[in-house]
Amino acid sequence: MSGERTSQLDASTATAPPPRGRNLHRFANPGRFLRLSGRVLPVLAGLGFVLTVAGFVWGLFFAPADWQQGDAVRIMYVHVPAAWLASAGYMSLAICSVLSLVWRHPLADLAAVEIGPVGAAFTALCLASGSLWGKPMWGAWWVWDARLTSVLVLFFLYLGHIALVRAFDDPQRGYRAGAILAIIKFSVDWWNTLHQPDSITLTGAPTMYVGMLWPLLVCALGFSFGFAAIVVARLRAAVMERRIRGLLMARAQEADAR
């Protein structure tokens, strides 16, 4: 299976893709992707590091404490960006599945495989920081609240996706779990839970004090660049590994033919 996938990856530019998918297939060539990602990766990593450090310093030392929660609210500068990226990472899996199923993009499956462990790590960070935040606020490290439970389900979905794409010859079976993503995203709106409602939404003005909002957005931006940098680095390694494996298999076949 891996040999066939490698052949598809290396020969993707030899066959003309459909007109609508031509732009997507431009980056299916391994050499072109490696050249482009080699230029982009240092920028992503640098921005992620600088913005994350700046957001942490701003939020931990200069932003005001909450009038109810006190300094415990500063955990949100880790918890909230991790929660956003946990959901965004799984949405990325769904997008990669569409690119693979509809346009047969050779890099889409590889991207989904590499996004899985990174998304699982950010979801674990979200759960751990949420427990640290919940102890002083609720008096317990964990409660079976709908939102907390749904994020735990999301973590298990990531682990299931990681296991499925590596356990079966057909990794598409693992991508079908993305249909449950809507439960994760809207659970806080569907149920009345201990977890506070969203302070930042796309349909209304933020309910958070601006002095706390800006460092949170900087942290979220830094986390996002860091997430992207890790995924691109893993994807580059996976592409190079498949190219090397394909070359070794081709040499082995030539040796057998002789």
C-alpha atoms as a PDB file:
ATOM      1  CA  MET A   1       0.000   0.000   0.000  1.00  0.00           C
ATOM      2  CA  SER A   2       2.784   2.443   0.960  1.00  0.00           C
ATOM      3  CA  GLY A   3       4.601   1.711  -2.297  1.00  0.00           C
ATOM      4  CA  GLU A   4       1.506   2.480  -4.339  1.00  0.00           C
ATOM      5  CA  ARG A   5       0.975   5.706  -2.373  1.00  0.00           C
ATOM      6  CA  THR A   6       4.575   6.715  -2.918  1.00  0.00           C
ATOM      7  CA  SER A   7       4.262   6.107  -6.629  1.00  0.00           C
ATOM      8  CA  GLN A   8       1.159   8.261  -6.708  1.00  0.00           C
ATOM      9  CA  LEU A   9       2.950  10.977  -4.751  1.00  0.00           C
ATOM     10  CA  ASP A  10       5.984  11.005  -7.035  1.00  0.00           C
ATOM     11  CA  ALA A  11       4.051  10.717 -10.288  1.00  0.00           C
ATOM     12  CA  SER A  12       1.262  13.146  -9.478  1.00  0.00           C
ATOM     13  CA  THR A  13       2.477  15.762 -11.913  1.00  0.00           C
ATOM     14  CA  ALA A  14       2.827  13.281 -14.748  1.00  0.00           C
ATOM     15  CA  THR A  15      -0.944  12.947 -15.094  1.00  0.00           C
ATOM     16  CA  ALA A  16      -2.885  16.116 -15.779  1.00  0.00           C
ATOM     17  CA  PRO A  17      -5.440  16.679 -12.988  1.00  0.00           C
ATOM     18  CA  PRO A  18      -8.976  17.918 -13.621  1.00  0.00           C
ATOM     19  CA  PRO A  19      -9.156  21.662 -14.338  1.00  0.00           C
ATOM     20  CA  ARG A  20     -10.766  22.516 -10.988  1.00  0.00           C
ATOM     21  CA  GLY A  21      -8.156  20.579  -9.035  1.00  0.00           C
ATOM     22  CA  ARG A  22      -5.113  21.757 -10.981  1.00  0.00           C
ATOM     23  CA  ASN A  23      -4.179  24.446  -8.442  1.00  0.00           C
ATOM     24  CA  LEU A  24      -4.484  21.962  -5.581  1.00  0.00           C
ATOM     25  CA  HIS A  25      -2.288  19.428  -7.376  1.00  0.00           C
ATOM     26  CA  ARG A  26       0.474  21.956  -7.978  1.00  0.00           C
ATOM     27  CA  PHE A  27       1.868  21.182  -4.531  1.00  0.00           C
ATOM     28  CA  ALA A  28       1.455  17.418  -4.819  1.00  0.00           C
ATOM     29  CA  ASN A  29       4.922  17.158  -6.330  1.00  0.00           C
ATOM     30  CA  PRO A  30       7.258  16.196  -3.445  1.00  0.00           C
ATOM     31  CA  GLY A  31      10.156  18.370  -4.626  1.00  0.00           C
ATOM     32  CA  ARG A  32       7.948  21.450  -5.035  1.00  0.00           C
ATOM     33  CA  PHE A  33       6.328  20.917  -1.641  1.00  0.00           C
ATOM     34  CA  LEU A  34       9.685  20.442   0.082  1.00  0.00           C
ATOM     35  CA  ARG A  35      11.096  23.605  -1.487  1.00  0.00           C
ATOM     36  CA  LEU A  36       8.066  25.700  -0.545  1.00  0.00           C
ATOM     37  CA  SER A  37       7.725  24.290   2.975  1.00  0.00           C
ATOM     38  CA  GLY A  38      11.459  24.748   3.544  1.00  0.00           C
ATOM     39  CA  ARG A  39      11.002  28.492   3.056  1.00  0.00           C
ATOM     40  CA  VAL A  40       7.762  28.707   5.046  1.00  0.00           C
ATOM     41  CA  LEU A  41       8.740  26.569   8.047  1.00  0.00           C
ATOM     42  CA  PRO A  42      11.279  28.979   9.626  1.00  0.00           C
ATOM     43  CA  VAL A  43       8.783  31.848   9.328  1.00  0.00           C
ATOM     44  CA  LEU A  44       6.023  29.831  11.000  1.00  0.00           C
ATOM     45  CA  ALA A  45       8.318  28.630  13.775  1.00  0.00           C
ATOM     46  CA  GLY A  46       9.740  32.104  14.403  1.00  0.00           C
ATOM     47  CA  LEU A  47       6.357  33.813  14.505  1.00  0.00           C
ATOM     48  CA  GLY A  48       4.954  31.081  16.724  1.00  0.00           C
ATOM     49  CA  PHE A  49       7.772  31.411  19.241  1.00  0.00           C
ATOM     50  CA  VAL A  50       7.821  35.216  19.346  1.00  0.00           C
ATOM     51  CA  LEU A  51       4.043  35.666  19.563  1.00  0.00           C
ATOM     52  CA  THR A  52       3.609  32.940  22.160  1.00  0.00           C
ATOM     53  CA  VAL A  53       6.306  34.375  24.425  1.00  0.00           C
ATOM     54  CA  ALA A  54       4.955  37.910  23.959  1.00  0.00           C
ATOM     55  CA  GLY A  55       1.408  36.770  24.729  1.00  0.00           C
ATOM     56  CA  PHE A  56       2.488  34.890  27.846  1.00  0.00           C
ATOM     57  CA  VAL A  57       4.487  37.836  29.192  1.00  0.00           C
ATOM     58  CA  TRP A  58       1.630  40.237  28.434  1.00  0.00           C
ATOM     59  CA  GLY A  59      -1.039  37.993  29.912  1.00  0.00           C
ATOM     60  CA  LEU A  60       0.845  36.775  32.993  1.00  0.00           C
ATOM     61  CA  PHE A  61       2.516  40.000  34.102  1.00  0.00           C
ATOM     62  CA  PHE A  62       0.642  42.965  32.612  1.00  0.00           C
ATOM     63  CA  ALA A  63      -2.984  41.940  31.990  1.00  0.00           C
ATOM     64  CA  PRO A  64      -5.377  42.535  34.895  1.00  0.00           C
ATOM     65  CA  ALA A  65      -6.727  39.729  37.036  1.00  0.00           C
ATOM     66  CA  ASP A  66     -10.404  38.802  36.852  1.00  0.00           C
ATOM     67  CA  TRP A  67     -12.650  40.402  39.482  1.00  0.00           C
ATOM     68  CA  GLN A  68     -14.199  37.024  40.355  1.00  0.00           C
ATOM     69  CA  GLN A  69     -11.533  34.430  39.571  1.00  0.00           C
ATOM     70  CA  GLY A  70      -8.476  36.464  40.476  1.00  0.00           C
ATOM     71  CA  ASP A  71      -5.106  35.361  39.113  1.00  0.00           C
ATOM     72  CA  ALA A  72      -6.431  31.858  38.386  1.00  0.00           C
ATOM     73  CA  VAL A  73      -7.925  33.282  35.200  1.00  0.00           C
ATOM     74  CA  ARG A  74      -4.413  33.566  33.710  1.00  0.00           C
ATOM     75  CA  ILE A  75      -4.545  29.853  32.931  1.00  0.00           C
ATOM     76  CA  MET A  76      -6.812  30.826  30.039  1.00  0.00           C
ATOM     77  CA  TYR A  77      -3.784  32.085  28.085  1.00  0.00           C
ATOM     78  CA  VAL A  78      -2.851  28.418  27.665  1.00  0.00           C
ATOM     79  CA  HIS A  79      -6.250  26.741  27.963  1.00  0.00           C
ATOM     80  CA  VAL A  80      -8.253  28.781  25.468  1.00  0.00           C
ATOM     81  CA  PRO A  81      -5.741  28.681  22.554  1.00  0.00           C
ATOM     82  CA  ALA A  82      -5.248  24.943  23.157  1.00  0.00           C
ATOM     83  CA  ALA A  83      -9.032  24.407  23.086  1.00  0.00           C
ATOM     84  CA  TRP A  84      -9.424  26.400  19.867  1.00  0.00           C
ATOM     85  CA  LEU A  85      -6.645  24.479  18.142  1.00  0.00           C
ATOM     86  CA  ALA A  86      -7.959  21.139  19.394  1.00  0.00           C
ATOM     87  CA  SER A  87     -11.201  21.753  17.479  1.00  0.00           C
ATOM     88  CA  ALA A  88      -9.460  23.456  14.542  1.00  0.00           C
ATOM     89  CA  GLY A  89      -7.074  20.532  14.199  1.00  0.00           C
ATOM     90  CA  TYR A  90      -9.919  18.071  13.888  1.00  0.00           C
ATOM     91  CA  MET A  91     -11.594  20.346  11.379  1.00  0.00           C
ATOM     92  CA  SER A  92      -8.345  20.170   9.421  1.00  0.00           C
ATOM     93  CA  LEU A  93      -8.697  16.391   9.378  1.00  0.00           C
ATOM     94  CA  ALA A  94     -12.138  16.788   7.822  1.00  0.00           C
ATOM     95  CA  ILE A  95     -10.775  19.195   5.188  1.00  0.00           C
ATOM     96  CA  CYS A  96      -7.951  16.800   4.351  1.00  0.00           C
ATOM     97  CA  SER A  97     -10.514  14.018   3.984  1.00  0.00           C
ATOM     98  CA  VAL A  98     -12.492  16.096   1.468  1.00  0.00           C
ATOM     99  CA  LEU A  99      -9.330  16.885  -0.498  1.00  0.00           C
ATOM    100  CA  SER A 100      -8.457  13.203  -0.578  1.00  0.00           C
ATOM    101  CA  LEU A 101     -11.913  11.859  -1.431  1.00  0.00           C
ATOM    102  CA  VAL A 102     -12.982  14.506  -3.949  1.00  0.00           C
ATOM    103  CA  TRP A 103      -9.751  15.687  -5.586  1.00  0.00           C
ATOM    104  CA  ARG A 104      -7.538  12.672  -4.781  1.00  0.00           C
ATOM    105  CA  HIS A 105      -4.797  14.988  -3.550  1.00  0.00           C
ATOM    106  CA  PRO A 106      -1.769  12.804  -2.736  1.00  0.00           C
ATOM    107  CA  LEU A 107      -0.615  14.960   0.184  1.00  0.00           C
ATOM    108  CA  ALA A 108      -4.021  15.156   1.881  1.00  0.00           C
ATOM    109  CA  ASP A 109      -3.819  11.733   3.511  1.00  0.00           C
ATOM    110  CA  LEU A 110      -0.280  12.380   4.675  1.00  0.00           C
ATOM    111  CA  ALA A 111      -1.348  15.717   6.150  1.00  0.00           C
ATOM    112  CA  ALA A 112      -4.222  14.074   8.053  1.00  0.00           C
ATOM    113  CA  VAL A 113      -1.877  11.443   9.459  1.00  0.00           C
ATOM    114  CA  GLU A 114       0.538  14.113  10.709  1.00  0.00           C
ATOM    115  CA  ILE A 115      -2.165  16.438  12.064  1.00  0.00           C
ATOM    116  CA  GLY A 116      -3.570  13.697  14.304  1.00  0.00           C
ATOM    117  CA  PRO A 117      -0.758  13.473  16.902  1.00  0.00           C
ATOM    118  CA  VAL A 118      -0.352  17.264  17.032  1.00  0.00           C
ATOM    119  CA  GLY A 119      -4.081  17.773  17.558  1.00  0.00           C
ATOM    120  CA  ALA A 120      -4.101  15.082  20.256  1.00  0.00           C
ATOM    121  CA  ALA A 121      -1.255  16.841  22.076  1.00  0.00           C
ATOM    122  CA  PHE A 122      -3.093  20.188  22.040  1.00  0.00           C
ATOM    123  CA  THR A 123      -6.285  18.485  23.230  1.00  0.00           C
ATOM    124  CA  ALA A 124      -4.371  16.880  26.105  1.00  0.00           C
ATOM    125  CA  LEU A 125      -2.957  20.321  26.965  1.00  0.00           C
ATOM    126  CA  CYS A 126      -6.498  21.713  26.918  1.00  0.00           C
ATOM    127  CA  LEU A 127      -7.728  19.001  29.297  1.00  0.00           C
ATOM    128  CA  ALA A 128      -4.764  19.389  31.666  1.00  0.00           C
ATOM    129  CA  SER A 129      -4.969  23.185  31.829  1.00  0.00           C
ATOM    130  CA  GLY A 130      -8.737  22.988  32.215  1.00  0.00           C
ATOM    131  CA  SER A 131      -8.327  20.710  35.234  1.00  0.00           C
ATOM    132  CA  LEU A 132      -5.858  23.157  36.790  1.00  0.00           C
ATOM    133  CA  TRP A 133      -8.348  25.963  36.188  1.00  0.00           C
ATOM    134  CA  GLY A 134     -11.342  23.989  37.422  1.00  0.00           C
ATOM    135  CA  LYS A 135      -9.859  22.997  40.788  1.00  0.00           C
ATOM    136  CA  PRO A 136      -9.916  26.497  42.360  1.00  0.00           C
ATOM    137  CA  MET A 137     -13.140  27.476  40.567  1.00  0.00           C
ATOM    138  CA  TRP A 138     -15.268  24.332  41.008  1.00  0.00           C
ATOM    139  CA  GLY A 139     -13.437  22.610  43.837  1.00  0.00           C
ATOM    140  CA  ALA A 140     -12.698  19.516  41.706  1.00  0.00           C
ATOM    141  CA  TRP A 141     -10.102  18.497  39.152  1.00  0.00           C
ATOM    142  CA  TRP A 142     -12.772  16.961  36.922  1.00  0.00           C
ATOM    143  CA  VAL A 143     -16.562  17.006  36.605  1.00  0.00           C
ATOM    144  CA  TRP A 144     -18.653  15.141  34.044  1.00  0.00           C
ATOM    145  CA  ASP A 145     -19.796  18.376  32.480  1.00  0.00           C
ATOM    146  CA  ALA A 146     -21.059  18.193  28.891  1.00  0.00           C
ATOM    147  CA  ARG A 147     -18.323  20.451  27.509  1.00  0.00           C
ATOM    148  CA  LEU A 148     -15.503  18.737  29.401  1.00  0.00           C
ATOM    149  CA  THR A 149     -16.793  15.309  28.438  1.00  0.00           C
ATOM    150  CA  SER A 150     -17.086  16.303  24.783  1.00  0.00           C
ATOM    151  CA  VAL A 151     -13.458  17.501  24.746  1.00  0.00           C
ATOM    152  CA  LEU A 152     -12.452  14.181  26.304  1.00  0.00           C
ATOM    153  CA  VAL A 153     -14.377  12.452  23.499  1.00  0.00           C
ATOM    154  CA  LEU A 154     -12.477  14.617  21.024  1.00  0.00           C
ATOM    155  CA  PHE A 155      -9.197  13.425  22.572  1.00  0.00           C
ATOM    156  CA  PHE A 156     -10.314   9.811  22.155  1.00  0.00           C
ATOM    157  CA  LEU A 157     -11.329  10.565  18.561  1.00  0.00           C
ATOM    158  CA  TYR A 158      -7.813  11.804  17.885  1.00  0.00           C
ATOM    159  CA  LEU A 159      -6.365   8.644  19.427  1.00  0.00           C
ATOM    160  CA  GLY A 160      -8.802   6.523  17.433  1.00  0.00           C
ATOM    161  CA  HIS A 161      -7.878   8.332  14.232  1.00  0.00           C
ATOM    162  CA  ILE A 162      -4.169   7.812  14.934  1.00  0.00           C
ATOM    163  CA  ALA A 163      -4.733   4.102  15.529  1.00  0.00           C
ATOM    164  CA  LEU A 164      -7.065   3.581  12.558  1.00  0.00           C
ATOM    165  CA  VAL A 165      -4.894   5.170   9.889  1.00  0.00           C
ATOM    166  CA  ARG A 166      -2.006   2.987  11.014  1.00  0.00           C
ATOM    167  CA  ALA A 167      -3.957  -0.228  11.575  1.00  0.00           C
ATOM    168  CA  PHE A 168      -5.796  -0.626   8.249  1.00  0.00           C
ATOM    169  CA  ASP A 169      -4.738  -0.653   4.640  1.00  0.00           C
ATOM    170  CA  ASP A 170      -7.533   1.821   3.878  1.00  0.00           C
ATOM    171  CA  PRO A 171      -7.007   4.914   6.095  1.00  0.00           C
ATOM    172  CA  GLN A 172     -10.266   6.496   4.846  1.00  0.00           C
ATOM    173  CA  ARG A 173     -12.181   4.544   7.498  1.00  0.00           C
ATOM    174  CA  GLY A 174     -10.521   6.648  10.171  1.00  0.00           C
ATOM    175  CA  TYR A 175     -11.573   9.941   8.612  1.00  0.00           C
ATOM    176  CA  ARG A 176     -15.306   9.218   8.898  1.00  0.00           C
ATOM    177  CA  ALA A 177     -15.196  10.003  12.603  1.00  0.00           C
ATOM    178  CA  GLY A 178     -15.069  13.695  11.635  1.00  0.00           C
ATOM    179  CA  ALA A 179     -18.863  13.786  11.517  1.00  0.00           C
ATOM    180  CA  ILE A 180     -18.890  13.991  15.335  1.00  0.00           C
ATOM    181  CA  LEU A 181     -16.968  17.276  15.239  1.00  0.00           C
ATOM    182  CA  ALA A 182     -20.190  19.321  15.350  1.00  0.00           C
ATOM    183  CA  ILE A 183     -20.952  17.918  18.828  1.00  0.00           C
ATOM    184  CA  ILE A 184     -17.591  19.125  20.077  1.00  0.00           C
ATOM    185  CA  LYS A 185     -17.967  22.618  18.643  1.00  0.00           C
ATOM    186  CA  PHE A 186     -21.532  23.378  19.669  1.00  0.00           C
ATOM    187  CA  SER A 187     -21.868  21.388  22.900  1.00  0.00           C
ATOM    188  CA  VAL A 188     -21.421  24.522  25.014  1.00  0.00           C
ATOM    189  CA  ASP A 189     -24.365  26.126  23.185  1.00  0.00           C
ATOM    190  CA  TRP A 190     -26.611  23.043  23.214  1.00  0.00           C
ATOM    191  CA  TRP A 191     -26.438  22.293  26.936  1.00  0.00           C
ATOM    192  CA  ASN A 192     -26.554  24.416  30.065  1.00  0.00           C
ATOM    193  CA  THR A 193     -23.325  23.373  31.777  1.00  0.00           C
ATOM    194  CA  LEU A 194     -20.877  24.444  34.448  1.00  0.00           C
ATOM    195  CA  HIS A 195     -18.520  25.590  31.712  1.00  0.00           C
ATOM    196  CA  GLN A 196     -18.907  29.273  30.953  1.00  0.00           C
ATOM    197  CA  PRO A 197     -20.273  30.289  27.530  1.00  0.00           C
ATOM    198  CA  ASP A 198     -17.959  31.460  24.763  1.00  0.00           C
ATOM    199  CA  SER A 199     -16.540  34.918  25.457  1.00  0.00           C
ATOM    200  CA  ILE A 200     -15.527  35.341  21.804  1.00  0.00           C
ATOM    201  CA  THR A 201     -17.898  34.425  18.988  1.00  0.00           C
ATOM    202  CA  LEU A 202     -18.194  35.154  15.292  1.00  0.00           C
ATOM    203  CA  THR A 203     -21.752  36.462  15.658  1.00  0.00           C
ATOM    204  CA  GLY A 204     -21.374  38.966  18.477  1.00  0.00           C
ATOM    205  CA  ALA A 205     -19.035  41.345  20.256  1.00  0.00           C
ATOM    206  CA  PRO A 206     -16.550  39.881  22.758  1.00  0.00           C
ATOM    207  CA  THR A 207     -17.717  39.865  26.371  1.00  0.00           C
ATOM    208  CA  MET A 208     -14.156  39.947  27.722  1.00  0.00           C
ATOM    209  CA  TYR A 209     -12.351  43.048  28.970  1.00  0.00           C
ATOM    210  CA  VAL A 210     -10.108  44.373  26.205  1.00  0.00           C
ATOM    211  CA  GLY A 211      -7.040  44.343  28.469  1.00  0.00           C
ATOM    212  CA  MET A 212      -7.407  40.568  28.747  1.00  0.00           C
ATOM    213  CA  LEU A 213      -8.646  40.023  25.207  1.00  0.00           C
ATOM    214  CA  TRP A 214      -5.583  41.273  23.342  1.00  0.00           C
ATOM    215  CA  PRO A 215      -2.970  39.108  25.092  1.00  0.00           C
ATOM    216  CA  LEU A 216      -5.305  36.139  24.649  1.00  0.00           C
ATOM    217  CA  LEU A 217      -5.508  36.784  20.907  1.00  0.00           C
ATOM    218  CA  VAL A 218      -1.713  37.128  20.702  1.00  0.00           C
ATOM    219  CA  CYS A 219      -1.296  33.796  22.505  1.00  0.00           C
ATOM    220  CA  ALA A 220      -3.860  32.185  20.212  1.00  0.00           C
ATOM    221  CA  LEU A 221      -2.050  33.502  17.139  1.00  0.00           C
ATOM    222  CA  GLY A 222       1.286  32.247  18.471  1.00  0.00           C
ATOM    223  CA  PHE A 223      -0.184  28.822  19.241  1.00  0.00           C
ATOM    224  CA  SER A 224      -1.662  28.694  15.734  1.00  0.00           C
ATOM    225  CA  PHE A 225       1.666  29.438  14.052  1.00  0.00           C
ATOM    226  CA  GLY A 226       3.331  26.886  16.311  1.00  0.00           C
ATOM    227  CA  PHE A 227       0.705  24.275  15.461  1.00  0.00           C
ATOM    228  CA  ALA A 228       1.207  24.916  11.753  1.00  0.00           C
ATOM    229  CA  ALA A 229       5.004  24.771  12.096  1.00  0.00           C
ATOM    230  CA  ILE A 230       4.895  21.391  13.841  1.00  0.00           C
ATOM    231  CA  VAL A 231       2.511  19.953  11.241  1.00  0.00           C
ATOM    232  CA  VAL A 232       4.618  21.238   8.329  1.00  0.00           C
ATOM    233  CA  ALA A 233       7.795  19.827   9.898  1.00  0.00           C
ATOM    234  CA  ARG A 234       6.145  16.423  10.396  1.00  0.00           C
ATOM    235  CA  LEU A 235       4.729  16.488   6.869  1.00  0.00           C
ATOM    236  CA  ARG A 236       8.152  17.276   5.400  1.00  0.00           C
ATOM    237  CA  ALA A 237       9.631  14.329   7.288  1.00  0.00           C
ATOM    238  CA  ALA A 238       6.824  12.038   6.088  1.00  0.00           C
ATOM    239  CA  VAL A 239       7.274  13.100   2.451  1.00  0.00           C
ATOM    240  CA  MET A 240      11.023  12.539   2.608  1.00  0.00           C
ATOM    241  CA  GLU A 241      10.510   9.171   4.283  1.00  0.00           C
ATOM    242  CA  ARG A 242       8.135   8.043   1.528  1.00  0.00           C
ATOM    243  CA  ARG A 243      10.462   9.250  -1.191  1.00  0.00           C
ATOM    244  CA  ILE A 244      13.355   7.331   0.334  1.00  0.00           C
ATOM    245  CA  ARG A 245      11.177   4.247   0.782  1.00  0.00           C
ATOM    246  CA  GLY A 246      10.037   4.474  -2.822  1.00  0.00           C
ATOM    247  CA  LEU A 247      13.629   4.753  -4.073  1.00  0.00           C
ATOM    248  CA  LEU A 248      14.701   1.761  -2.000  1.00  0.00           C
ATOM    249  CA  MET A 249      11.774  -0.294  -3.299  1.00  0.00           C
ATOM    250  CA  ALA A 250      12.577   0.682  -6.876  1.00  0.00           C
ATOM    251  CA  ARG A 251      16.210  -0.343  -6.450  1.00  0.00           C
ATOM    252  CA  ALA A 252      15.131  -3.614  -4.878  1.00  0.00           C
ATOM    253  CA  GLN A 253      12.835  -4.341  -7.825  1.00  0.00           C
ATOM    254  CA  GLU A 254      15.617  -3.523 -10.291  1.00  0.00           C
ATOM    255  CA  ALA A 255      17.970  -5.857  -8.427  1.00  0.00           C
ATOM    256  CA  ASP A 256      15.375  -8.650  -8.499  1.00  0.00           C
ATOM    257  CA  ALA A 257      14.802  -8.098 -12.219  1.00  0.00           C
ATOM    258  CA  ARG A 258      18.511  -8.564 -12.917  1.00  0.00           C
END
